[in-house]
Amino acid sequence: MDLFHEIHKDIPREGPGDNESTKQAINMLKDIPANCTALDIGCGPGLQTIELAKNIDGKIFAIDIHEPFLDKLLQTAFKENLSHRIEAKKMSMFSLEFKEDNFDLIWCEGAIFIIGFQKGLQEWRKYIKTGGYLVVSEISWLREDIPKEPKNFWEYEYPEIKGIADNIKIIEKSGYSPIGNFIIPEKGWWKDYYNPLTDRINKLRKKYKDNKEANDIMDSTQREIEMYKRYSDYYGYVFYIMKKV
């Protein structure tokens, strides 16, 4: 994990996404109450947390297990005069330390894969008020005719990967009403994630030129980047917006 975090240090995002997609998802929430209470799970350095604070009226609790990410978020919140709207805390998504029926909105961009899409939906539901929202982005197949190379790669890296229709069925079976979904554009993979990650790897190659473990991790990350470059028509990150019923 230390090597992983060194590779990801100072990367603007910890997964595909962009501010425009975050805002698009926020705009699909039609009845969020004034002075609402929101939770951003696996917030990373928190670009989406800042967008939430700018676009909804209320308090946002942001959690992550990596303290430097939280420090970065709090620094940005201070610069944006949003410190009074955001509370950051080191906490695992596997054991949320909140009361049930506590949040009008739970948000998770690019991190629900850590716990698993279905498990996350089911376990986090109890923390959402009836009529409240859960918004997540999840890697998903975009077509049915998946070539062998990306299919084998992602079914090894993330066996739970499914198509959009199958994920909607999971949403409904988990006690939510689907509100909508949309695919994050390709630029959301590159600008704040893969391009800076590539630059970071290139710098660390020199530092760790004789370290096999470090190079194996960087090779794996590089392979993921190359995979998307070749097969972006077949998979992507999809925002799923749903309401607890």
C-alpha atoms as a PDB file:
ATOM      1  CA  MET A   1       0.000   0.000   0.000  1.00  0.00           C
ATOM      2  CA  ASP A   2       2.910   2.375   0.653  1.00  0.00           C
ATOM      3  CA  LEU A   3       4.125   1.879  -2.911  1.00  0.00           C
ATOM      4  CA  PHE A   4       0.592   2.276  -4.256  1.00  0.00           C
ATOM      5  CA  HIS A   5       0.145   5.559  -2.408  1.00  0.00           C
ATOM      6  CA  GLU A   6       3.529   6.815  -3.564  1.00  0.00           C
ATOM      7  CA  ILE A   7       2.524   6.152  -7.157  1.00  0.00           C
ATOM      8  CA  HIS A   8      -0.786   7.951  -6.582  1.00  0.00           C
ATOM      9  CA  LYS A   9       0.668  10.825  -4.560  1.00  0.00           C
ATOM     10  CA  ASP A  10      -0.435  14.263  -5.793  1.00  0.00           C
ATOM     11  CA  ILE A  11      -2.690  12.834  -8.505  1.00  0.00           C
ATOM     12  CA  PRO A  12      -5.743  15.158  -8.766  1.00  0.00           C
ATOM     13  CA  ARG A  13      -8.201  12.236  -8.749  1.00  0.00           C
ATOM     14  CA  GLU A  14      -8.039   8.637  -7.597  1.00  0.00           C
ATOM     15  CA  GLY A  15     -10.262   7.427 -10.403  1.00  0.00           C
ATOM     16  CA  PRO A  16     -11.930   8.556 -13.625  1.00  0.00           C
ATOM     17  CA  GLY A  17     -14.168  11.596 -13.335  1.00  0.00           C
ATOM     18  CA  ASP A  18     -14.477  15.312 -13.938  1.00  0.00           C
ATOM     19  CA  ASN A  19     -16.264  18.275 -12.408  1.00  0.00           C
ATOM     20  CA  GLU A  20     -18.759  18.409 -15.276  1.00  0.00           C
ATOM     21  CA  SER A  21     -19.871  14.822 -14.613  1.00  0.00           C
ATOM     22  CA  THR A  22     -20.145  15.488 -10.881  1.00  0.00           C
ATOM     23  CA  LYS A  23     -22.371  18.508 -11.593  1.00  0.00           C
ATOM     24  CA  GLN A  24     -24.444  16.523 -14.076  1.00  0.00           C
ATOM     25  CA  ALA A  25     -25.138  13.912 -11.399  1.00  0.00           C
ATOM     26  CA  ILE A  26     -25.919  16.586  -8.802  1.00  0.00           C
ATOM     27  CA  ASN A  27     -28.438  18.168 -11.191  1.00  0.00           C
ATOM     28  CA  MET A  28     -30.332  14.866 -11.328  1.00  0.00           C
ATOM     29  CA  LEU A  29     -31.150  15.192  -7.607  1.00  0.00           C
ATOM     30  CA  LYS A  30     -34.426  17.078  -7.787  1.00  0.00           C
ATOM     31  CA  ASP A  31     -35.623  17.220  -4.197  1.00  0.00           C
ATOM     32  CA  ILE A  32     -32.586  17.452  -1.920  1.00  0.00           C
ATOM     33  CA  PRO A  33     -33.725  19.430   1.142  1.00  0.00           C
ATOM     34  CA  ALA A  34     -32.144  22.679   2.243  1.00  0.00           C
ATOM     35  CA  ASN A  35     -29.404  22.225   4.842  1.00  0.00           C
ATOM     36  CA  CYS A  36     -29.079  18.563   3.891  1.00  0.00           C
ATOM     37  CA  THR A  37     -26.575  16.097   5.296  1.00  0.00           C
ATOM     38  CA  ALA A  38     -24.319  14.293   2.807  1.00  0.00           C
ATOM     39  CA  LEU A  39     -21.585  11.662   3.037  1.00  0.00           C
ATOM     40  CA  ASP A  40     -18.778  11.263   0.488  1.00  0.00           C
ATOM     41  CA  ILE A  41     -17.360   7.734   0.833  1.00  0.00           C
ATOM     42  CA  GLY A  42     -13.784   7.078  -0.323  1.00  0.00           C
ATOM     43  CA  CYS A  43     -13.357  10.764  -1.058  1.00  0.00           C
ATOM     44  CA  GLY A  44      -9.664  10.628  -2.026  1.00  0.00           C
ATOM     45  CA  PRO A  45      -8.202  14.116  -2.502  1.00  0.00           C
ATOM     46  CA  GLY A  46     -11.759  15.342  -2.803  1.00  0.00           C
ATOM     47  CA  LEU A  47     -12.353  17.238  -6.049  1.00  0.00           C
ATOM     48  CA  GLN A  48     -15.904  15.893  -6.123  1.00  0.00           C
ATOM     49  CA  THR A  49     -16.358  16.801  -2.435  1.00  0.00           C
ATOM     50  CA  ILE A  50     -15.586  20.415  -3.311  1.00  0.00           C
ATOM     51  CA  GLU A  51     -18.114  20.318  -6.161  1.00  0.00           C
ATOM     52  CA  LEU A  52     -20.742  18.899  -3.818  1.00  0.00           C
ATOM     53  CA  ALA A  53     -20.087  21.697  -1.332  1.00  0.00           C
ATOM     54  CA  LYS A  54     -20.403  24.290  -4.082  1.00  0.00           C
ATOM     55  CA  ASN A  55     -23.632  22.893  -5.507  1.00  0.00           C
ATOM     56  CA  ILE A  56     -25.758  21.617  -2.618  1.00  0.00           C
ATOM     57  CA  ASP A  57     -26.941  23.382   0.502  1.00  0.00           C
ATOM     58  CA  GLY A  58     -25.767  21.471   3.542  1.00  0.00           C
ATOM     59  CA  LYS A  59     -22.966  19.753   5.434  1.00  0.00           C
ATOM     60  CA  ILE A  60     -20.726  17.174   3.784  1.00  0.00           C
ATOM     61  CA  PHE A  61     -18.883  14.485   5.716  1.00  0.00           C
ATOM     62  CA  ALA A  62     -15.968  13.075   3.696  1.00  0.00           C
ATOM     63  CA  ILE A  63     -14.222   9.839   4.654  1.00  0.00           C
ATOM     64  CA  ASP A  64     -11.154   7.975   3.429  1.00  0.00           C
ATOM     65  CA  ILE A  65      -8.605   5.612   5.012  1.00  0.00           C
ATOM     66  CA  HIS A  66      -5.594   7.528   3.642  1.00  0.00           C
ATOM     67  CA  GLU A  67      -4.949  10.588   5.784  1.00  0.00           C
ATOM     68  CA  PRO A  68      -2.873  12.531   3.189  1.00  0.00           C
ATOM     69  CA  PHE A  69      -5.935  12.541   0.910  1.00  0.00           C
ATOM     70  CA  LEU A  70      -7.997  14.075   3.701  1.00  0.00           C
ATOM     71  CA  ASP A  71      -5.281  16.669   4.346  1.00  0.00           C
ATOM     72  CA  LYS A  72      -5.354  17.620   0.655  1.00  0.00           C
ATOM     73  CA  LEU A  73      -9.138  17.948   0.718  1.00  0.00           C
ATOM     74  CA  LEU A  74      -9.044  20.197   3.785  1.00  0.00           C
ATOM     75  CA  GLN A  75      -6.378  22.397   2.183  1.00  0.00           C
ATOM     76  CA  THR A  76      -8.535  22.821  -0.919  1.00  0.00           C
ATOM     77  CA  ALA A  77     -11.640  23.464   1.169  1.00  0.00           C
ATOM     78  CA  PHE A  78      -9.785  26.221   3.033  1.00  0.00           C
ATOM     79  CA  LYS A  79      -8.668  27.860  -0.237  1.00  0.00           C
ATOM     80  CA  GLU A  80     -12.234  27.698  -1.561  1.00  0.00           C
ATOM     81  CA  ASN A  81     -13.724  29.097   1.680  1.00  0.00           C
ATOM     82  CA  LEU A  82     -15.662  25.859   2.183  1.00  0.00           C
ATOM     83  CA  SER A  83     -14.125  24.652   5.456  1.00  0.00           C
ATOM     84  CA  HIS A  84     -17.389  25.261   7.317  1.00  0.00           C
ATOM     85  CA  ARG A  85     -19.230  22.969   4.884  1.00  0.00           C
ATOM     86  CA  ILE A  86     -16.877  19.976   4.877  1.00  0.00           C
ATOM     87  CA  GLU A  87     -15.842  17.660   7.704  1.00  0.00           C
ATOM     88  CA  ALA A  88     -13.163  15.100   6.817  1.00  0.00           C
ATOM     89  CA  LYS A  89     -12.529  11.971   8.871  1.00  0.00           C
ATOM     90  CA  LYS A  90     -10.325   8.895   8.543  1.00  0.00           C
ATOM     91  CA  MET A  91     -12.763   5.987   8.310  1.00  0.00           C
ATOM     92  CA  SER A  92     -13.244   2.740   6.396  1.00  0.00           C
ATOM     93  CA  MET A  93     -16.192   2.282   4.055  1.00  0.00           C
ATOM     94  CA  PHE A  94     -16.467  -1.244   5.505  1.00  0.00           C
ATOM     95  CA  SER A  95     -17.421   0.061   8.954  1.00  0.00           C
ATOM     96  CA  LEU A  96     -19.213   3.391   8.804  1.00  0.00           C
ATOM     97  CA  GLU A  97     -19.461   5.079  12.194  1.00  0.00           C
ATOM     98  CA  PHE A  98     -22.740   6.915  11.684  1.00  0.00           C
ATOM     99  CA  LYS A  99     -26.302   6.563  12.874  1.00  0.00           C
ATOM    100  CA  GLU A 100     -28.826   4.853  10.645  1.00  0.00           C
ATOM    101  CA  ASP A 101     -31.217   7.026   8.581  1.00  0.00           C
ATOM    102  CA  ASN A 102     -28.704   9.841   8.932  1.00  0.00           C
ATOM    103  CA  PHE A 103     -28.032  11.134   5.398  1.00  0.00           C
ATOM    104  CA  ASP A 104     -30.064  12.786   2.677  1.00  0.00           C
ATOM    105  CA  LEU A 105     -27.322  11.843   0.228  1.00  0.00           C
ATOM    106  CA  ILE A 106     -24.487   9.326   0.060  1.00  0.00           C
ATOM    107  CA  TRP A 107     -21.944   9.879  -2.714  1.00  0.00           C
ATOM    108  CA  CYS A 108     -19.154   7.566  -3.905  1.00  0.00           C
ATOM    109  CA  GLU A 109     -17.153   8.376  -7.031  1.00  0.00           C
ATOM    110  CA  GLY A 110     -14.928   5.631  -8.346  1.00  0.00           C
ATOM    111  CA  ALA A 111     -14.520   3.819  -5.022  1.00  0.00           C
ATOM    112  CA  ILE A 112     -17.468   1.468  -4.510  1.00  0.00           C
ATOM    113  CA  PHE A 113     -15.511  -1.288  -6.308  1.00  0.00           C
ATOM    114  CA  ILE A 114     -13.415  -1.583  -3.119  1.00  0.00           C
ATOM    115  CA  ILE A 115     -16.372  -3.019  -1.205  1.00  0.00           C
ATOM    116  CA  GLY A 116     -18.225  -4.248  -4.292  1.00  0.00           C
ATOM    117  CA  PHE A 117     -21.171  -2.661  -6.095  1.00  0.00           C
ATOM    118  CA  GLN A 118     -23.917  -4.877  -4.677  1.00  0.00           C
ATOM    119  CA  LYS A 119     -22.473  -5.038  -1.162  1.00  0.00           C
ATOM    120  CA  GLY A 120     -21.994  -1.281  -1.044  1.00  0.00           C
ATOM    121  CA  LEU A 121     -25.571  -0.617  -2.138  1.00  0.00           C
ATOM    122  CA  GLN A 122     -26.953  -3.051   0.421  1.00  0.00           C
ATOM    123  CA  GLU A 123     -24.754  -2.097   3.404  1.00  0.00           C
ATOM    124  CA  TRP A 124     -24.926   1.686   2.941  1.00  0.00           C
ATOM    125  CA  ARG A 125     -28.703   1.765   2.441  1.00  0.00           C
ATOM    126  CA  LYS A 126     -29.433   1.817   6.169  1.00  0.00           C
ATOM    127  CA  TYR A 127     -27.559   5.095   6.586  1.00  0.00           C
ATOM    128  CA  ILE A 128     -29.770   6.894   4.051  1.00  0.00           C
ATOM    129  CA  LYS A 129     -33.075   8.497   4.995  1.00  0.00           C
ATOM    130  CA  THR A 130     -36.136   7.125   3.191  1.00  0.00           C
ATOM    131  CA  GLY A 131     -36.412   9.150   0.002  1.00  0.00           C
ATOM    132  CA  GLY A 132     -32.726  10.040   0.170  1.00  0.00           C
ATOM    133  CA  TYR A 133     -30.232   9.422  -2.606  1.00  0.00           C
ATOM    134  CA  LEU A 134     -27.252   7.208  -3.290  1.00  0.00           C
ATOM    135  CA  VAL A 135     -25.001   8.280  -6.169  1.00  0.00           C
ATOM    136  CA  VAL A 136     -22.060   6.116  -7.251  1.00  0.00           C
ATOM    137  CA  SER A 137     -19.806   5.768 -10.272  1.00  0.00           C
ATOM    138  CA  GLU A 138     -18.868   2.213 -11.211  1.00  0.00           C
ATOM    139  CA  ILE A 139     -16.818   0.659 -13.983  1.00  0.00           C
ATOM    140  CA  SER A 140     -19.254  -1.054 -16.355  1.00  0.00           C
ATOM    141  CA  TRP A 141     -19.365  -2.841 -19.674  1.00  0.00           C
ATOM    142  CA  LEU A 142     -20.809  -0.579 -22.356  1.00  0.00           C
ATOM    143  CA  ARG A 143     -21.341  -3.282 -24.993  1.00  0.00           C
ATOM    144  CA  GLU A 144     -21.965  -7.008 -25.161  1.00  0.00           C
ATOM    145  CA  ASP A 145     -19.317  -7.919 -27.750  1.00  0.00           C
ATOM    146  CA  ILE A 146     -16.341  -7.503 -25.383  1.00  0.00           C
ATOM    147  CA  PRO A 147     -12.994  -8.593 -26.894  1.00  0.00           C
ATOM    148  CA  LYS A 148     -11.111 -11.290 -25.044  1.00  0.00           C
ATOM    149  CA  GLU A 149      -8.226  -9.096 -23.822  1.00  0.00           C
ATOM    150  CA  PRO A 150     -10.224  -6.484 -21.845  1.00  0.00           C
ATOM    151  CA  LYS A 151     -12.727  -9.127 -20.730  1.00  0.00           C
ATOM    152  CA  ASN A 152      -9.992 -11.286 -19.204  1.00  0.00           C
ATOM    153  CA  PHE A 153      -8.216  -8.269 -17.735  1.00  0.00           C
ATOM    154  CA  TRP A 154     -11.229  -6.805 -15.941  1.00  0.00           C
ATOM    155  CA  GLU A 155     -12.771 -10.099 -14.875  1.00  0.00           C
ATOM    156  CA  TYR A 156      -9.453 -10.796 -13.139  1.00  0.00           C
ATOM    157  CA  GLU A 157      -9.017  -7.276 -11.687  1.00  0.00           C
ATOM    158  CA  TYR A 158     -12.681  -6.798 -10.755  1.00  0.00           C
ATOM    159  CA  PRO A 159     -14.826  -9.946 -11.132  1.00  0.00           C
ATOM    160  CA  GLU A 160     -17.996  -8.002 -10.252  1.00  0.00           C
ATOM    161  CA  ILE A 161     -17.884  -5.890 -13.423  1.00  0.00           C
ATOM    162  CA  LYS A 162     -21.269  -5.935 -15.191  1.00  0.00           C
ATOM    163  CA  GLY A 163     -23.206  -4.120 -17.873  1.00  0.00           C
ATOM    164  CA  ILE A 164     -25.480  -1.172 -17.154  1.00  0.00           C
ATOM    165  CA  ALA A 165     -28.710  -3.193 -17.385  1.00  0.00           C
ATOM    166  CA  ASP A 166     -27.427  -5.769 -14.885  1.00  0.00           C
ATOM    167  CA  ASN A 167     -26.369  -3.032 -12.464  1.00  0.00           C
ATOM    168  CA  ILE A 168     -29.824  -1.451 -12.692  1.00  0.00           C
ATOM    169  CA  LYS A 169     -31.329  -4.816 -11.694  1.00  0.00           C
ATOM    170  CA  ILE A 170     -28.998  -4.882  -8.659  1.00  0.00           C
ATOM    171  CA  ILE A 171     -30.101  -1.343  -7.780  1.00  0.00           C
ATOM    172  CA  GLU A 172     -33.769  -2.358  -7.831  1.00  0.00           C
ATOM    173  CA  LYS A 173     -33.192  -5.583  -5.865  1.00  0.00           C
ATOM    174  CA  SER A 174     -31.220  -3.640  -3.236  1.00  0.00           C
ATOM    175  CA  GLY A 175     -34.150  -1.408  -2.318  1.00  0.00           C
ATOM    176  CA  TYR A 176     -33.651   1.629  -4.539  1.00  0.00           C
ATOM    177  CA  SER A 177     -35.536   3.305  -7.339  1.00  0.00           C
ATOM    178  CA  PRO A 178     -33.218   4.065 -10.309  1.00  0.00           C
ATOM    179  CA  ILE A 179     -33.315   7.762 -11.190  1.00  0.00           C
ATOM    180  CA  GLY A 180     -30.884   7.717 -14.095  1.00  0.00           C
ATOM    181  CA  ASN A 181     -27.386   6.935 -15.309  1.00  0.00           C
ATOM    182  CA  PHE A 182     -24.815   8.296 -17.728  1.00  0.00           C
ATOM    183  CA  ILE A 183     -21.316   7.448 -18.936  1.00  0.00           C
ATOM    184  CA  ILE A 184     -18.380   9.589 -17.838  1.00  0.00           C
ATOM    185  CA  PRO A 185     -16.703  10.972 -20.998  1.00  0.00           C
ATOM    186  CA  GLU A 186     -13.275   9.721 -22.030  1.00  0.00           C
ATOM    187  CA  LYS A 187     -11.631  13.023 -21.097  1.00  0.00           C
ATOM    188  CA  GLY A 188     -12.660  12.261 -17.520  1.00  0.00           C
ATOM    189  CA  TRP A 189     -10.241   9.320 -17.600  1.00  0.00           C
ATOM    190  CA  TRP A 190      -7.295  11.290 -18.915  1.00  0.00           C
ATOM    191  CA  LYS A 191      -7.079  14.887 -17.688  1.00  0.00           C
ATOM    192  CA  ASP A 192      -7.018  14.418 -13.921  1.00  0.00           C
ATOM    193  CA  TYR A 193      -6.224  10.714 -13.679  1.00  0.00           C
ATOM    194  CA  TYR A 194      -4.389   8.720 -16.345  1.00  0.00           C
ATOM    195  CA  ASN A 195      -2.233  11.562 -17.741  1.00  0.00           C
ATOM    196  CA  PRO A 196      -0.863  12.684 -14.351  1.00  0.00           C
ATOM    197  CA  LEU A 197      -0.573   9.032 -13.281  1.00  0.00           C
ATOM    198  CA  THR A 198       1.544   8.317 -16.358  1.00  0.00           C
ATOM    199  CA  ASP A 199       3.798  11.277 -15.572  1.00  0.00           C
ATOM    200  CA  ARG A 200       4.160  10.071 -11.991  1.00  0.00           C
ATOM    201  CA  ILE A 201       5.103   6.545 -13.091  1.00  0.00           C
ATOM    202  CA  ASN A 202       7.715   7.873 -15.505  1.00  0.00           C
ATOM    203  CA  LYS A 203       9.387   9.787 -12.660  1.00  0.00           C
ATOM    204  CA  LEU A 204       9.290   6.845 -10.259  1.00  0.00           C
ATOM    205  CA  ARG A 205      10.798   4.443 -12.819  1.00  0.00           C
ATOM    206  CA  LYS A 206      14.153   6.155 -12.242  1.00  0.00           C
ATOM    207  CA  LYS A 207      13.859   6.044  -8.451  1.00  0.00           C
ATOM    208  CA  TYR A 208      12.862   2.369  -8.389  1.00  0.00           C
ATOM    209  CA  LYS A 209      14.781   1.060 -11.386  1.00  0.00           C
ATOM    210  CA  ASP A 210      16.168  -1.863  -9.339  1.00  0.00           C
ATOM    211  CA  ASN A 211      13.042  -2.548  -7.249  1.00  0.00           C
ATOM    212  CA  LYS A 212      11.044  -5.425  -8.769  1.00  0.00           C
ATOM    213  CA  GLU A 213       8.023  -5.015  -6.485  1.00  0.00           C
ATOM    214  CA  ALA A 214       7.654  -1.331  -7.317  1.00  0.00           C
ATOM    215  CA  ASN A 215       8.093  -1.981 -11.024  1.00  0.00           C
ATOM    216  CA  ASP A 216       5.507  -4.764 -10.966  1.00  0.00           C
ATOM    217  CA  ILE A 217       2.954  -2.355  -9.482  1.00  0.00           C
ATOM    218  CA  MET A 218       3.816   0.314 -12.040  1.00  0.00           C
ATOM    219  CA  ASP A 219       3.653  -2.255 -14.856  1.00  0.00           C
ATOM    220  CA  SER A 220       0.173  -3.255 -13.728  1.00  0.00           C
ATOM    221  CA  THR A 221      -0.984   0.353 -13.643  1.00  0.00           C
ATOM    222  CA  GLN A 222       0.560   1.021 -17.049  1.00  0.00           C
ATOM    223  CA  ARG A 223      -1.199  -2.016 -18.478  1.00  0.00           C
ATOM    224  CA  GLU A 224      -4.536  -0.710 -17.202  1.00  0.00           C
ATOM    225  CA  ILE A 225      -3.888   2.633 -18.908  1.00  0.00           C
ATOM    226  CA  GLU A 226      -2.944   0.955 -22.192  1.00  0.00           C
ATOM    227  CA  MET A 227      -6.025  -1.259 -21.964  1.00  0.00           C
ATOM    228  CA  TYR A 228      -8.321   1.746 -21.783  1.00  0.00           C
ATOM    229  CA  LYS A 229      -6.471   3.452 -24.630  1.00  0.00           C
ATOM    230  CA  ARG A 230      -7.256   0.475 -26.877  1.00  0.00           C
ATOM    231  CA  TYR A 231     -10.692  -0.568 -25.638  1.00  0.00           C
ATOM    232  CA  SER A 232     -12.484   2.535 -24.327  1.00  0.00           C
ATOM    233  CA  ASP A 233     -15.479   1.797 -26.585  1.00  0.00           C
ATOM    234  CA  TYR A 234     -16.232  -1.338 -24.575  1.00  0.00           C
ATOM    235  CA  TYR A 235     -16.132  -0.191 -20.958  1.00  0.00           C
ATOM    236  CA  GLY A 236     -16.252   2.974 -18.922  1.00  0.00           C
ATOM    237  CA  TYR A 237     -17.262   4.528 -15.646  1.00  0.00           C
ATOM    238  CA  VAL A 238     -20.989   5.047 -15.299  1.00  0.00           C
ATOM    239  CA  PHE A 239     -22.779   7.277 -12.813  1.00  0.00           C
ATOM    240  CA  TYR A 240     -25.787   5.586 -11.223  1.00  0.00           C
ATOM    241  CA  ILE A 241     -28.271   7.838  -9.433  1.00  0.00           C
ATOM    242  CA  MET A 242     -30.818   6.075  -7.210  1.00  0.00           C
ATOM    243  CA  LYS A 243     -33.292   6.851  -4.447  1.00  0.00           C
ATOM    244  CA  LYS A 244     -33.946   4.778  -1.313  1.00  0.00           C
ATOM    245  CA  VAL A 245     -37.510   3.456  -1.221  1.00  0.00           C
END
